[in-house]
């Protein structure tokens, strides 16, 4: 699994259950829902799709298939990476 962490150039605000991320290098804004916000807050330390899937499953008492949840987290991390919000730790 590929570990990721937040980039330092991102300002974060939580407002009414949504997270707003401002990439100060690219001047882009990304909005996240509550689940995305949880994942974002965990990414202040090294995380993988698998570790995020486990955290989401525990926090929200998810009954979703573990493999599907892991796949969803991989897609989420890919999106954050494309937006320049996280970086590969390796």
PDB file of N, CA and C in Angstrom:
ATOM      1  N   UNK A   1       0.829  -1.191   0.000  1.00  0.00           N
ATOM      2  CA  UNK A   1       0.000   0.000   0.000  1.00  0.00           C
ATOM      3  C   UNK A   1       0.872   1.253   0.000  1.00  0.00           C
ATOM      4  N   UNK A   2       0.435   2.223  -0.750  1.00  0.00           N
ATOM      5  CA  UNK A   2       1.154   3.487  -0.844  1.00  0.00           C
ATOM      6  C   UNK A   2       0.728   4.424   0.289  1.00  0.00           C
ATOM      7  N   UNK A   3       1.675   4.889   1.092  1.00  0.00           N
ATOM      8  CA  UNK A   3       1.331   5.831   2.166  1.00  0.00           C
ATOM      9  C   UNK A   3       1.326   7.275   1.665  1.00  0.00           C
ATOM     10  N   UNK A   4       0.370   8.049   2.152  1.00  0.00           N
ATOM     11  CA  UNK A   4       0.243   9.464   1.792  1.00  0.00           C
ATOM     12  C   UNK A   4       0.160  10.309   3.051  1.00  0.00           C
ATOM     13  N   UNK A   5       0.422  11.610   2.876  1.00  0.00           N
ATOM     14  CA  UNK A   5       0.313  12.575   3.966  1.00  0.00           C
ATOM     15  C   UNK A   5      -0.098  13.921   3.365  1.00  0.00           C
ATOM     16  N   UNK A   6      -0.715  14.775   4.177  1.00  0.00           N
ATOM     17  CA  UNK A   6      -1.107  16.113   3.716  1.00  0.00           C
ATOM     18  C   UNK A   6       0.119  16.914   3.292  1.00  0.00           C
ATOM     19  N   UNK A   7      -0.047  17.725   2.256  1.00  0.00           N
ATOM     20  CA  UNK A   7       0.998  18.684   1.907  1.00  0.00           C
ATOM     21  C   UNK A   7       0.871  19.875   2.852  1.00  0.00           C
ATOM     22  N   UNK A   8       1.956  20.579   3.045  1.00  0.00           N
ATOM     23  CA  UNK A   8       1.969  21.696   3.988  1.00  0.00           C
ATOM     24  C   UNK A   8       1.307  22.952   3.436  1.00  0.00           C
ATOM     25  N   UNK A   9       1.092  23.012   2.131  1.00  0.00           N
ATOM     26  CA  UNK A   9       0.574  24.225   1.489  1.00  0.00           C
ATOM     27  C   UNK A   9      -0.949  24.265   1.429  1.00  0.00           C
ATOM     28  N   UNK A  10      -1.617  23.600   2.368  1.00  0.00           N
ATOM     29  CA  UNK A  10      -3.078  23.500   2.333  1.00  0.00           C
ATOM     30  C   UNK A  10      -3.671  24.109   3.600  1.00  0.00           C
ATOM     31  N   UNK A  11      -4.554  25.084   3.407  1.00  0.00           N
ATOM     32  CA  UNK A  11      -5.312  25.678   4.514  1.00  0.00           C
ATOM     33  C   UNK A  11      -6.646  24.942   4.601  1.00  0.00           C
ATOM     34  N   UNK A  12      -7.099  24.653   5.814  1.00  0.00           N
ATOM     35  CA  UNK A  12      -8.301  23.848   6.015  1.00  0.00           C
ATOM     36  C   UNK A  12      -9.285  24.564   6.931  1.00  0.00           C
ATOM     37  N   UNK A  13     -10.574  24.504   6.544  1.00  0.00           N
ATOM     38  CA  UNK A  13     -11.643  25.052   7.366  1.00  0.00           C
ATOM     39  C   UNK A  13     -12.804  24.068   7.381  1.00  0.00           C
ATOM     40  N   UNK A  14     -13.385  23.856   8.556  1.00  0.00           N
ATOM     41  CA  UNK A  14     -14.583  23.022   8.662  1.00  0.00           C
ATOM     42  C   UNK A  14     -15.769  23.944   8.888  1.00  0.00           C
ATOM     43  N   UNK A  15     -16.830  23.742   8.105  1.00  0.00           N
ATOM     44  CA  UNK A  15     -18.007  24.593   8.197  1.00  0.00           C
ATOM     45  C   UNK A  15     -19.258  23.758   7.964  1.00  0.00           C
ATOM     46  N   UNK A  16     -20.103  23.636   8.966  1.00  0.00           N
ATOM     47  CA  UNK A  16     -21.375  22.907   8.861  1.00  0.00           C
ATOM     48  C   UNK A  16     -21.202  21.493   8.314  1.00  0.00           C
ATOM     49  N   UNK A  17     -20.225  20.757   8.830  1.00  0.00           N
ATOM     50  CA  UNK A  17     -20.037  19.370   8.423  1.00  0.00           C
ATOM     51  C   UNK A  17     -19.306  19.189   7.110  1.00  0.00           C
ATOM     52  N   UNK A  18     -18.921  20.281   6.462  1.00  0.00           N
ATOM     53  CA  UNK A  18     -18.132  20.202   5.233  1.00  0.00           C
ATOM     54  C   UNK A  18     -16.739  20.741   5.513  1.00  0.00           C
ATOM     55  N   UNK A  19     -15.786  20.201   4.809  1.00  0.00           N
ATOM     56  CA  UNK A  19     -14.409  20.660   4.924  1.00  0.00           C
ATOM     57  C   UNK A  19     -14.051  21.374   3.636  1.00  0.00           C
ATOM     58  N   UNK A  20     -13.409  22.525   3.776  1.00  0.00           N
ATOM     59  CA  UNK A  20     -12.971  23.294   2.618  1.00  0.00           C
ATOM     60  C   UNK A  20     -11.448  23.358   2.673  1.00  0.00           C
ATOM     61  N   UNK A  21     -10.809  22.871   1.600  1.00  0.00           N
ATOM     62  CA  UNK A  21      -9.355  22.824   1.527  1.00  0.00           C
ATOM     63  C   UNK A  21      -8.885  23.808   0.470  1.00  0.00           C
ATOM     64  N   UNK A  22      -7.992  24.686   0.841  1.00  0.00           N
ATOM     65  CA  UNK A  22      -7.432  25.664  -0.085  1.00  0.00           C
ATOM     66  C   UNK A  22      -5.969  25.329  -0.322  1.00  0.00           C
ATOM     67  N   UNK A  23      -5.653  24.977  -1.566  1.00  0.00           N
ATOM     68  CA  UNK A  23      -4.269  24.733  -1.960  1.00  0.00           C
ATOM     69  C   UNK A  23      -3.663  26.092  -2.284  1.00  0.00           C
ATOM     70  N   UNK A  24      -2.791  26.580  -1.419  1.00  0.00           N
ATOM     71  CA  UNK A  24      -2.255  27.930  -1.576  1.00  0.00           C
ATOM     72  C   UNK A  24      -1.232  28.043  -2.703  1.00  0.00           C
ATOM     73  N   UNK A  25      -0.695  26.929  -3.175  1.00  0.00           N
ATOM     74  CA  UNK A  25       0.227  26.961  -4.314  1.00  0.00           C
ATOM     75  C   UNK A  25      -0.530  27.067  -5.629  1.00  0.00           C
ATOM     76  N   UNK A  26      -1.590  26.266  -5.764  1.00  0.00           N
ATOM     77  CA  UNK A  26      -2.347  26.224  -7.015  1.00  0.00           C
ATOM     78  C   UNK A  26      -3.592  27.109  -6.980  1.00  0.00           C
ATOM     79  N   UNK A  27      -3.884  27.686  -5.816  1.00  0.00           N
ATOM     80  CA  UNK A  27      -5.078  28.521  -5.626  1.00  0.00           C
ATOM     81  C   UNK A  27      -6.352  27.794  -6.044  1.00  0.00           C
ATOM     82  N   UNK A  28      -6.495  26.558  -5.551  1.00  0.00           N
ATOM     83  CA  UNK A  28      -7.693  25.767  -5.819  1.00  0.00           C
ATOM     84  C   UNK A  28      -8.405  25.480  -4.506  1.00  0.00           C
ATOM     85  N   UNK A  29      -9.719  25.280  -4.604  1.00  0.00           N
ATOM     86  CA  UNK A  29     -10.542  24.952  -3.445  1.00  0.00           C
ATOM     87  C   UNK A  29     -11.178  23.588  -3.677  1.00  0.00           C
ATOM     88  N   UNK A  30     -11.125  22.740  -2.659  1.00  0.00           N
ATOM     89  CA  UNK A  30     -11.732  21.418  -2.713  1.00  0.00           C
ATOM     90  C   UNK A  30     -12.656  21.281  -1.510  1.00  0.00           C
ATOM     91  N   UNK A  31     -13.899  20.823  -1.748  1.00  0.00           N
ATOM     92  CA  UNK A  31     -14.857  20.610  -0.660  1.00  0.00           C
ATOM     93  C   UNK A  31     -14.968  19.117  -0.374  1.00  0.00           C
ATOM     94  N   UNK A  32     -15.020  18.785   0.909  1.00  0.00           N
ATOM     95  CA  UNK A  32     -15.162  17.399   1.340  1.00  0.00           C
ATOM     96  C   UNK A  32     -16.369  17.270   2.258  1.00  0.00           C
ATOM     97  N   UNK A  33     -17.022  16.109   2.191  1.00  0.00           N
ATOM     98  CA  UNK A  33     -18.114  15.834   3.119  1.00  0.00           C
ATOM     99  C   UNK A  33     -17.532  15.335   4.448  1.00  0.00           C
ATOM    100  N   UNK A  34     -18.377  14.881   5.332  1.00  0.00           N
ATOM    101  CA  UNK A  34     -17.942  14.458   6.662  1.00  0.00           C
ATOM    102  C   UNK A  34     -16.944  13.303   6.607  1.00  0.00           C
ATOM    103  N   UNK A  35     -17.202  12.334   5.736  1.00  0.00           N
ATOM    104  CA  UNK A  35     -16.289  11.192   5.610  1.00  0.00           C
ATOM    105  C   UNK A  35     -14.945  11.662   5.060  1.00  0.00           C
ATOM    106  N   UNK A  36     -14.993  12.497   4.024  1.00  0.00           N
ATOM    107  CA  UNK A  36     -13.762  13.046   3.464  1.00  0.00           C
ATOM    108  C   UNK A  36     -12.998  13.869   4.488  1.00  0.00           C
ATOM    109  N   UNK A  37     -13.734  14.608   5.313  1.00  0.00           N
ATOM    110  CA  UNK A  37     -13.112  15.412   6.360  1.00  0.00           C
ATOM    111  C   UNK A  37     -12.399  14.556   7.396  1.00  0.00           C
ATOM    112  N   UNK A  38     -13.022  13.437   7.757  1.00  0.00           N
ATOM    113  CA  UNK A  38     -12.372  12.506   8.684  1.00  0.00           C
ATOM    114  C   UNK A  38     -11.065  12.009   8.078  1.00  0.00           C
ATOM    115  N   UNK A  39     -11.139  11.589   6.826  1.00  0.00           N
ATOM    116  CA  UNK A  39      -9.937  11.082   6.152  1.00  0.00           C
ATOM    117  C   UNK A  39      -8.868  12.164   6.074  1.00  0.00           C
ATOM    118  N   UNK A  40      -9.284  13.385   5.732  1.00  0.00           N
ATOM    119  CA  UNK A  40      -8.333  14.490   5.644  1.00  0.00           C
ATOM    120  C   UNK A  40      -7.645  14.718   6.992  1.00  0.00           C
ATOM    121  N   UNK A  41      -8.415  14.712   8.069  1.00  0.00           N
ATOM    122  CA  UNK A  41      -7.816  14.957   9.382  1.00  0.00           C
ATOM    123  C   UNK A  41      -6.825  13.852   9.752  1.00  0.00           C
ATOM    124  N   UNK A  42      -7.097  12.630   9.320  1.00  0.00           N
ATOM    125  CA  UNK A  42      -6.175  11.524   9.599  1.00  0.00           C
ATOM    126  C   UNK A  42      -4.899  11.625   8.767  1.00  0.00           C
ATOM    127  N   UNK A  43      -4.999  12.290   7.625  1.00  0.00           N
ATOM    128  CA  UNK A  43      -3.845  12.416   6.733  1.00  0.00           C
ATOM    129  C   UNK A  43      -2.798  13.410   7.244  1.00  0.00           C
ATOM    130  N   UNK A  44      -2.990  13.952   8.447  1.00  0.00           N
ATOM    131  CA  UNK A  44      -1.916  14.764   9.024  1.00  0.00           C
ATOM    132  C   UNK A  44      -0.756  13.869   9.444  1.00  0.00           C
ATOM    133  N   UNK A  45      -1.018  12.562   9.460  1.00  0.00           N
ATOM    134  CA  UNK A  45       0.010  11.541   9.659  1.00  0.00           C
ATOM    135  C   UNK A  45      -0.093  10.562   8.494  1.00  0.00           C
ATOM    136  N   UNK A  46       0.949   9.824   8.276  1.00  0.00           N
ATOM    137  CA  UNK A  46       1.016   8.861   7.173  1.00  0.00           C
ATOM    138  C   UNK A  46      -0.170   7.892   7.207  1.00  0.00           C
ATOM    139  N   UNK A  47      -0.872   7.772   6.058  1.00  0.00           N
ATOM    140  CA  UNK A  47      -2.035   6.884   5.946  1.00  0.00           C
ATOM    141  C   UNK A  47      -2.022   6.176   4.592  1.00  0.00           C
ATOM    142  N   UNK A  48      -2.626   4.998   4.560  1.00  0.00           N
ATOM    143  CA  UNK A  48      -2.838   4.266   3.313  1.00  0.00           C
ATOM    144  C   UNK A  48      -4.343   4.146   3.083  1.00  0.00           C
ATOM    145  N   UNK A  49      -4.724   3.689   1.906  1.00  0.00           N
ATOM    146  CA  UNK A  49      -6.144   3.464   1.626  1.00  0.00           C
ATOM    147  C   UNK A  49      -6.720   2.469   2.629  1.00  0.00           C
ATOM    148  N   UNK A  50      -5.937   1.477   2.969  1.00  0.00           N
ATOM    149  CA  UNK A  50      -6.392   0.455   3.909  1.00  0.00           C
ATOM    150  C   UNK A  50      -6.610   1.036   5.313  1.00  0.00           C
ATOM    151  N   UNK A  51      -5.687   1.860   5.787  1.00  0.00           N
ATOM    152  CA  UNK A  51      -5.840   2.432   7.133  1.00  0.00           C
ATOM    153  C   UNK A  51      -7.011   3.411   7.186  1.00  0.00           C
ATOM    154  N   UNK A  52      -7.224   4.158   6.098  1.00  0.00           N
ATOM    155  CA  UNK A  52      -8.368   5.073   6.048  1.00  0.00           C
ATOM    156  C   UNK A  52      -9.684   4.299   6.006  1.00  0.00           C
ATOM    157  N   UNK A  53      -9.720   3.219   5.231  1.00  0.00           N
ATOM    158  CA  UNK A  53     -10.933   2.399   5.139  1.00  0.00           C
ATOM    159  C   UNK A  53     -11.297   1.835   6.509  1.00  0.00           C
ATOM    160  N   UNK A  54     -10.304   1.397   7.246  1.00  0.00           N
ATOM    161  CA  UNK A  54     -10.543   0.862   8.587  1.00  0.00           C
ATOM    162  C   UNK A  54     -11.088   1.947   9.514  1.00  0.00           C
ATOM    163  N   UNK A  55     -10.507   3.135   9.460  1.00  0.00           N
ATOM    164  CA  UNK A  55     -10.959   4.244  10.312  1.00  0.00           C
ATOM    165  C   UNK A  55     -12.392   4.647   9.984  1.00  0.00           C
ATOM    166  N   UNK A  56     -12.718   4.718   8.697  1.00  0.00           N
ATOM    167  CA  UNK A  56     -14.080   5.080   8.273  1.00  0.00           C
ATOM    168  C   UNK A  56     -15.066   4.013   8.722  1.00  0.00           C
ATOM    169  N   UNK A  57     -14.692   2.762   8.538  1.00  0.00           N
ATOM    170  CA  UNK A  57     -15.555   1.649   8.930  1.00  0.00           C
ATOM    171  C   UNK A  57     -15.850   1.687  10.429  1.00  0.00           C
ATOM    172  N   UNK A  58     -14.839   1.968  11.229  1.00  0.00           N
ATOM    173  CA  UNK A  58     -15.020   2.020  12.682  1.00  0.00           C
ATOM    174  C   UNK A  58     -15.828   3.240  13.114  1.00  0.00           C
ATOM    175  N   UNK A  59     -15.518   4.398  12.558  1.00  0.00           N
ATOM    176  CA  UNK A  59     -16.177   5.647  12.957  1.00  0.00           C
ATOM    177  C   UNK A  59     -17.660   5.649  12.597  1.00  0.00           C
ATOM    178  N   UNK A  60     -17.978   5.193  11.384  1.00  0.00           N
ATOM    179  CA  UNK A  60     -19.350   5.276  10.896  1.00  0.00           C
ATOM    180  C   UNK A  60     -20.085   3.942  10.959  1.00  0.00           C
ATOM    181  N   UNK A  61     -19.480   2.980  11.637  1.00  0.00           N
ATOM    182  CA  UNK A  61     -20.105   1.652  11.782  1.00  0.00           C
ATOM    183  C   UNK A  61     -20.586   1.127  10.425  1.00  0.00           C
ATOM    184  N   UNK A  62     -19.717   1.253   9.434  1.00  0.00           N
ATOM    185  CA  UNK A  62     -20.048   0.895   8.055  1.00  0.00           C
ATOM    186  C   UNK A  62     -20.228  -0.609   7.895  1.00  0.00           C
ATOM    187  N   UNK A  63     -21.257  -0.975   7.154  1.00  0.00           N
ATOM    188  CA  UNK A  63     -21.477  -2.376   6.814  1.00  0.00           C
ATOM    189  C   UNK A  63     -21.063  -2.645   5.371  1.00  0.00           C
ATOM    190  N   UNK A  64     -20.502  -1.625   4.724  1.00  0.00           N
ATOM    191  CA  UNK A  64     -20.051  -1.772   3.342  1.00  0.00           C
ATOM    192  C   UNK A  64     -18.919  -2.794   3.275  1.00  0.00           C
ATOM    193  N   UNK A  65     -18.874  -3.518   2.165  1.00  0.00           N
ATOM    194  CA  UNK A  65     -17.828  -4.489   1.911  1.00  0.00           C
ATOM    195  C   UNK A  65     -16.455  -3.834   2.102  1.00  0.00           C
ATOM    196  N   UNK A  66     -15.589  -4.476   2.864  1.00  0.00           N
ATOM    197  CA  UNK A  66     -14.269  -3.908   3.181  1.00  0.00           C
ATOM    198  C   UNK A  66     -13.442  -3.642   1.927  1.00  0.00           C
ATOM    199  N   UNK A  67     -13.515  -4.536   0.950  1.00  0.00           N
ATOM    200  CA  UNK A  67     -12.755  -4.339  -0.291  1.00  0.00           C
ATOM    201  C   UNK A  67     -13.290  -3.143  -1.072  1.00  0.00           C
ATOM    202  N   UNK A  68     -14.603  -2.965  -1.080  1.00  0.00           N
ATOM    203  CA  UNK A  68     -15.193  -1.817  -1.775  1.00  0.00           C
ATOM    204  C   UNK A  68     -14.807  -0.519  -1.073  1.00  0.00           C
ATOM    205  N   UNK A  69     -14.825  -0.533   0.231  1.00  0.00           N
ATOM    206  CA  UNK A  69     -14.441   0.648   1.001  1.00  0.00           C
ATOM    207  C   UNK A  69     -12.975   1.000   0.744  1.00  0.00           C
ATOM    208  N   UNK A  70     -12.121  -0.004   0.680  1.00  0.00           N
ATOM    209  CA  UNK A  70     -10.703   0.229   0.382  1.00  0.00           C
ATOM    210  C   UNK A  70     -10.547   0.820  -1.017  1.00  0.00           C
ATOM    211  N   UNK A  71     -11.314   0.305  -1.976  1.00  0.00           N
ATOM    212  CA  UNK A  71     -11.273   0.831  -3.346  1.00  0.00           C
ATOM    213  C   UNK A  71     -11.733   2.295  -3.361  1.00  0.00           C
ATOM    214  N   UNK A  72     -12.788   2.596  -2.607  1.00  0.00           N
ATOM    215  CA  UNK A  72     -13.273   3.978  -2.511  1.00  0.00           C
ATOM    216  C   UNK A  72     -12.186   4.896  -1.945  1.00  0.00           C
ATOM    217  N   UNK A  73     -11.458   4.414  -0.945  1.00  0.00           N
ATOM    218  CA  UNK A  73     -10.385   5.216  -0.346  1.00  0.00           C
ATOM    219  C   UNK A  73      -9.235   5.412  -1.335  1.00  0.00           C
ATOM    220  N   UNK A  74      -8.950   4.397  -2.150  1.00  0.00           N
ATOM    221  CA  UNK A  74      -7.913   4.537  -3.177  1.00  0.00           C
ATOM    222  C   UNK A  74      -8.303   5.625  -4.171  1.00  0.00           C
ATOM    223  N   UNK A  75      -9.572   5.655  -4.570  1.00  0.00           N
ATOM    224  CA  UNK A  75     -10.060   6.684  -5.487  1.00  0.00           C
ATOM    225  C   UNK A  75     -10.011   8.066  -4.825  1.00  0.00           C
ATOM    226  N   UNK A  76     -10.371   8.134  -3.561  1.00  0.00           N
ATOM    227  CA  UNK A  76     -10.330   9.389  -2.816  1.00  0.00           C
ATOM    228  C   UNK A  76      -8.898   9.925  -2.748  1.00  0.00           C
ATOM    229  N   UNK A  77      -7.955   9.057  -2.404  1.00  0.00           N
ATOM    230  CA  UNK A  77      -6.552   9.462  -2.334  1.00  0.00           C
ATOM    231  C   UNK A  77      -6.034   9.898  -3.699  1.00  0.00           C
ATOM    232  N   UNK A  78      -6.449   9.201  -4.732  1.00  0.00           N
ATOM    233  CA  UNK A  78      -6.048   9.570  -6.091  1.00  0.00           C
ATOM    234  C   UNK A  78      -6.552  10.971  -6.430  1.00  0.00           C
ATOM    235  N   UNK A  79      -7.788  11.265  -6.053  1.00  0.00           N
ATOM    236  CA  UNK A  79      -8.365  12.588  -6.309  1.00  0.00           C
ATOM    237  C   UNK A  79      -7.604  13.677  -5.542  1.00  0.00           C
ATOM    238  N   UNK A  80      -7.321  13.428  -4.271  1.00  0.00           N
ATOM    239  CA  UNK A  80      -6.571  14.405  -3.481  1.00  0.00           C
ATOM    240  C   UNK A  80      -5.177  14.626  -4.061  1.00  0.00           C
ATOM    241  N   UNK A  81      -4.568  13.549  -4.547  1.00  0.00           N
ATOM    242  CA  UNK A  81      -3.239  13.646  -5.153  1.00  0.00           C
ATOM    243  C   UNK A  81      -3.293  14.491  -6.425  1.00  0.00           C
ATOM    244  N   UNK A  82      -4.311  14.255  -7.255  1.00  0.00           N
ATOM    245  CA  UNK A  82      -4.485  15.032  -8.488  1.00  0.00           C
ATOM    246  C   UNK A  82      -4.700  16.513  -8.181  1.00  0.00           C
ATOM    247  N   UNK A  83      -5.341  16.807  -7.062  1.00  0.00           N
ATOM    248  CA  UNK A  83      -5.595  18.198  -6.659  1.00  0.00           C
ATOM    249  C   UNK A  83      -4.382  18.834  -5.978  1.00  0.00           C
ATOM    250  N   UNK A  84      -3.319  18.062  -5.791  1.00  0.00           N
ATOM    251  CA  UNK A  84      -2.110  18.593  -5.172  1.00  0.00           C
ATOM    252  C   UNK A  84      -2.219  18.800  -3.677  1.00  0.00           C
ATOM    253  N   UNK A  85      -3.094  18.026  -3.026  1.00  0.00           N
ATOM    254  CA  UNK A  85      -3.339  18.209  -1.596  1.00  0.00           C
ATOM    255  C   UNK A  85      -2.552  17.250  -0.710  1.00  0.00           C
ATOM    256  N   UNK A  86      -2.143  16.115  -1.273  1.00  0.00           N
ATOM    257  CA  UNK A  86      -1.379  15.124  -0.518  1.00  0.00           C
ATOM    258  C   UNK A  86      -0.151  14.736  -1.325  1.00  0.00           C
ATOM    259  N   UNK A  87       0.767  14.067  -0.641  1.00  0.00           N
ATOM    260  CA  UNK A  87       1.960  13.586  -1.334  1.00  0.00           C
ATOM    261  C   UNK A  87       2.292  12.179  -0.863  1.00  0.00           C
ATOM    262  N   UNK A  88       2.925  11.434  -1.763  1.00  0.00           N
ATOM    263  CA  UNK A  88       3.380  10.090  -1.469  1.00  0.00           C
ATOM    264  C   UNK A  88       4.551  10.192  -0.503  1.00  0.00           C
ATOM    265  N   UNK A  89       4.502   9.435   0.573  1.00  0.00           N
ATOM    266  CA  UNK A  89       5.547   9.497   1.587  1.00  0.00           C
ATOM    267  C   UNK A  89       6.837   8.839   1.098  1.00  0.00           C
ATOM    268  N   UNK A  90       6.713   7.846   0.241  1.00  0.00           N
ATOM    269  CA  UNK A  90       7.916   7.133  -0.239  1.00  0.00           C
ATOM    270  C   UNK A  90       8.702   7.990  -1.134  1.00  0.00           C
TER     271      UNK A  90
END
